[in-house]
Amino acid sequence: ISFTTPPGALIAVVGPSAARNFALTGLLAGTRPLSSGTLAVDGHDVNSDTETMRSRVGVVPRRNRVHTRFTVARALEYAARLRMPATTSAENRGRVIDQVLD
């Protein structure tokens, strides 16, 4: 797997396999060892710099979801309303959510 995100990005690991999602988040958080290759977050090697990773990567367990019946889009809308400035228009929020979903 290879992907790049902008600095300070909030990403979601979403897919049909809970086990694979959990494995990837464990790799990103440094709680699961790599079998090969390298993994860096903000230029820091996840496996050799675990203390730094604790302040850079947060994982929300699957069972702590906002609402079990929310779609991914609805959960992102809810999160955007909580985290974006109150002055953000619905149009701008929608644009950000669409970018995340793409």
C-alpha atoms as a PDB file:
ATOM      1  CA  ILE A   1       0.000   0.000   0.000  1.00  0.00           C
ATOM      2  CA  SER A   2       1.257   3.459  -0.780  1.00  0.00           C
ATOM      3  CA  PHE A   3      -0.496   6.767  -0.228  1.00  0.00           C
ATOM      4  CA  THR A   4       0.323  10.334   0.652  1.00  0.00           C
ATOM      5  CA  THR A   5      -1.803  12.821   2.547  1.00  0.00           C
ATOM      6  CA  PRO A   6      -1.300  16.537   3.100  1.00  0.00           C
ATOM      7  CA  PRO A   7       0.240  17.574   6.430  1.00  0.00           C
ATOM      8  CA  GLY A   8      -2.286  17.623   9.250  1.00  0.00           C
ATOM      9  CA  ALA A   9      -4.831  15.588   7.286  1.00  0.00           C
ATOM     10  CA  LEU A  10      -7.576  13.622   8.977  1.00  0.00           C
ATOM     11  CA  ILE A  11      -8.009  10.281   7.249  1.00  0.00           C
ATOM     12  CA  ALA A  12     -10.443   7.434   7.697  1.00  0.00           C
ATOM     13  CA  VAL A  13      -9.670   3.795   7.060  1.00  0.00           C
ATOM     14  CA  VAL A  14     -12.913   2.372   5.721  1.00  0.00           C
ATOM     15  CA  GLY A  15     -13.496  -0.887   3.909  1.00  0.00           C
ATOM     16  CA  PRO A  16     -15.414  -4.149   3.863  1.00  0.00           C
ATOM     17  CA  SER A  17     -12.868  -6.056   5.953  1.00  0.00           C
ATOM     18  CA  ALA A  18     -12.723  -4.990   9.592  1.00  0.00           C
ATOM     19  CA  ALA A  19      -9.629  -7.154  10.087  1.00  0.00           C
ATOM     20  CA  ARG A  20      -7.725  -5.416   7.274  1.00  0.00           C
ATOM     21  CA  ASN A  21      -8.827  -1.980   8.451  1.00  0.00           C
ATOM     22  CA  PHE A  22      -7.647  -2.830  11.963  1.00  0.00           C
ATOM     23  CA  ALA A  23      -4.328  -4.143  10.622  1.00  0.00           C
ATOM     24  CA  LEU A  24      -3.670  -0.942   8.669  1.00  0.00           C
ATOM     25  CA  THR A  25      -4.548   1.330  11.588  1.00  0.00           C
ATOM     26  CA  GLY A  26      -2.294  -0.780  13.820  1.00  0.00           C
ATOM     27  CA  LEU A  27       0.571  -0.264  11.375  1.00  0.00           C
ATOM     28  CA  LEU A  28      -0.052   3.487  11.229  1.00  0.00           C
ATOM     29  CA  ALA A  29      -0.202   3.759  15.011  1.00  0.00           C
ATOM     30  CA  GLY A  30       2.934   1.659  15.471  1.00  0.00           C
ATOM     31  CA  THR A  31       1.172  -1.017  17.513  1.00  0.00           C
ATOM     32  CA  ARG A  32       1.613  -3.709  14.852  1.00  0.00           C
ATOM     33  CA  PRO A  33       5.060  -4.561  13.418  1.00  0.00           C
ATOM     34  CA  LEU A  34       5.738  -4.339   9.689  1.00  0.00           C
ATOM     35  CA  SER A  35       6.582  -7.634   7.987  1.00  0.00           C
ATOM     36  CA  SER A  36       8.564  -5.748   5.310  1.00  0.00           C
ATOM     37  CA  GLY A  37       9.050  -2.291   3.884  1.00  0.00           C
ATOM     38  CA  THR A  38       8.965   1.040   5.659  1.00  0.00           C
ATOM     39  CA  LEU A  39       6.244   3.236   7.064  1.00  0.00           C
ATOM     40  CA  ALA A  40       6.644   6.924   7.805  1.00  0.00           C
ATOM     41  CA  VAL A  41       4.177   9.458   9.171  1.00  0.00           C
ATOM     42  CA  ASP A  42       5.228  13.102   8.905  1.00  0.00           C
ATOM     43  CA  GLY A  43       8.733  11.872   8.041  1.00  0.00           C
ATOM     44  CA  HIS A  44       9.036   9.785  11.217  1.00  0.00           C
ATOM     45  CA  ASP A  45       9.651   6.044  11.001  1.00  0.00           C
ATOM     46  CA  VAL A  46       6.641   4.548  12.777  1.00  0.00           C
ATOM     47  CA  ASN A  47       8.457   1.488  14.116  1.00  0.00           C
ATOM     48  CA  SER A  48      11.567   3.225  15.431  1.00  0.00           C
ATOM     49  CA  ASP A  49       9.904   6.403  16.713  1.00  0.00           C
ATOM     50  CA  THR A  50       6.852   5.038  18.559  1.00  0.00           C
ATOM     51  CA  GLU A  51       6.774   7.792  21.193  1.00  0.00           C
ATOM     52  CA  THR A  52       6.412  10.480  18.521  1.00  0.00           C
ATOM     53  CA  MET A  53       3.699   8.473  16.786  1.00  0.00           C
ATOM     54  CA  ARG A  54       1.525   8.489  19.909  1.00  0.00           C
ATOM     55  CA  SER A  55       1.090  12.242  19.541  1.00  0.00           C
ATOM     56  CA  ARG A  56       0.640  12.168  15.745  1.00  0.00           C
ATOM     57  CA  VAL A  57      -1.666   9.223  15.099  1.00  0.00           C
ATOM     58  CA  GLY A  58      -4.972   8.613  16.831  1.00  0.00           C
ATOM     59  CA  VAL A  59      -7.158   5.585  16.326  1.00  0.00           C
ATOM     60  CA  VAL A  60     -10.864   5.443  17.100  1.00  0.00           C
ATOM     61  CA  PRO A  61     -11.863   1.807  17.596  1.00  0.00           C
ATOM     62  CA  ARG A  62     -14.688   0.490  15.474  1.00  0.00           C
ATOM     63  CA  ARG A  63     -17.049   0.037  18.395  1.00  0.00           C
ATOM     64  CA  ASN A  64     -16.707   3.697  19.364  1.00  0.00           C
ATOM     65  CA  ARG A  65     -18.340   4.963  16.215  1.00  0.00           C
ATOM     66  CA  VAL A  66     -20.529   8.024  16.423  1.00  0.00           C
ATOM     67  CA  HIS A  67     -23.666   6.122  15.515  1.00  0.00           C
ATOM     68  CA  THR A  68     -23.884   2.562  14.280  1.00  0.00           C
ATOM     69  CA  ARG A  69     -26.379   3.415  11.530  1.00  0.00           C
ATOM     70  CA  PHE A  70     -24.560   6.416  10.069  1.00  0.00           C
ATOM     71  CA  THR A  71     -23.236   6.056   6.560  1.00  0.00           C
ATOM     72  CA  VAL A  72     -19.627   7.127   6.044  1.00  0.00           C
ATOM     73  CA  ALA A  73     -20.856  10.344   4.427  1.00  0.00           C
ATOM     74  CA  ARG A  74     -23.178  11.104   7.360  1.00  0.00           C
ATOM     75  CA  ALA A  75     -20.429  10.397   9.907  1.00  0.00           C
ATOM     76  CA  LEU A  76     -18.121  12.787   8.041  1.00  0.00           C
ATOM     77  CA  GLU A  77     -20.843  15.440   7.995  1.00  0.00           C
ATOM     78  CA  TYR A  78     -21.284  15.052  11.735  1.00  0.00           C
ATOM     79  CA  ALA A  79     -17.525  15.254  12.344  1.00  0.00           C
ATOM     80  CA  ALA A  80     -17.212  18.290  10.065  1.00  0.00           C
ATOM     81  CA  ARG A  81     -19.919  20.143  11.972  1.00  0.00           C
ATOM     82  CA  LEU A  82     -18.070  19.451  15.232  1.00  0.00           C
ATOM     83  CA  ARG A  83     -14.547  20.236  14.046  1.00  0.00           C
ATOM     84  CA  MET A  84     -14.810  22.963  11.426  1.00  0.00           C
ATOM     85  CA  PRO A  85     -15.292  26.588  12.456  1.00  0.00           C
ATOM     86  CA  ALA A  86     -18.920  27.516  13.176  1.00  0.00           C
ATOM     87  CA  THR A  87     -18.754  30.100  10.400  1.00  0.00           C
ATOM     88  CA  THR A  88     -18.088  27.415   7.746  1.00  0.00           C
ATOM     89  CA  SER A  89     -20.932  27.362   5.250  1.00  0.00           C
ATOM     90  CA  ALA A  90     -22.802  24.150   4.472  1.00  0.00           C
ATOM     91  CA  GLU A  91     -21.483  24.442   0.911  1.00  0.00           C
ATOM     92  CA  ASN A  92     -17.849  24.541   2.058  1.00  0.00           C
ATOM     93  CA  ARG A  93     -18.427  21.669   4.500  1.00  0.00           C
ATOM     94  CA  GLY A  94     -19.965  19.657   1.685  1.00  0.00           C
ATOM     95  CA  ARG A  95     -16.997  20.389  -0.578  1.00  0.00           C
ATOM     96  CA  VAL A  96     -14.545  19.145   2.067  1.00  0.00           C
ATOM     97  CA  ILE A  97     -16.591  15.999   2.675  1.00  0.00           C
ATOM     98  CA  ASP A  98     -16.754  15.316  -1.074  1.00  0.00           C
ATOM     99  CA  GLN A  99     -12.948  15.631  -1.273  1.00  0.00           C
ATOM    100  CA  VAL A 100     -12.539  13.121   1.559  1.00  0.00           C
ATOM    101  CA  LEU A 101     -14.941  10.697  -0.091  1.00  0.00           C
ATOM    102  CA  ASP A 102     -13.129  10.936  -3.430  1.00  0.00           C
END
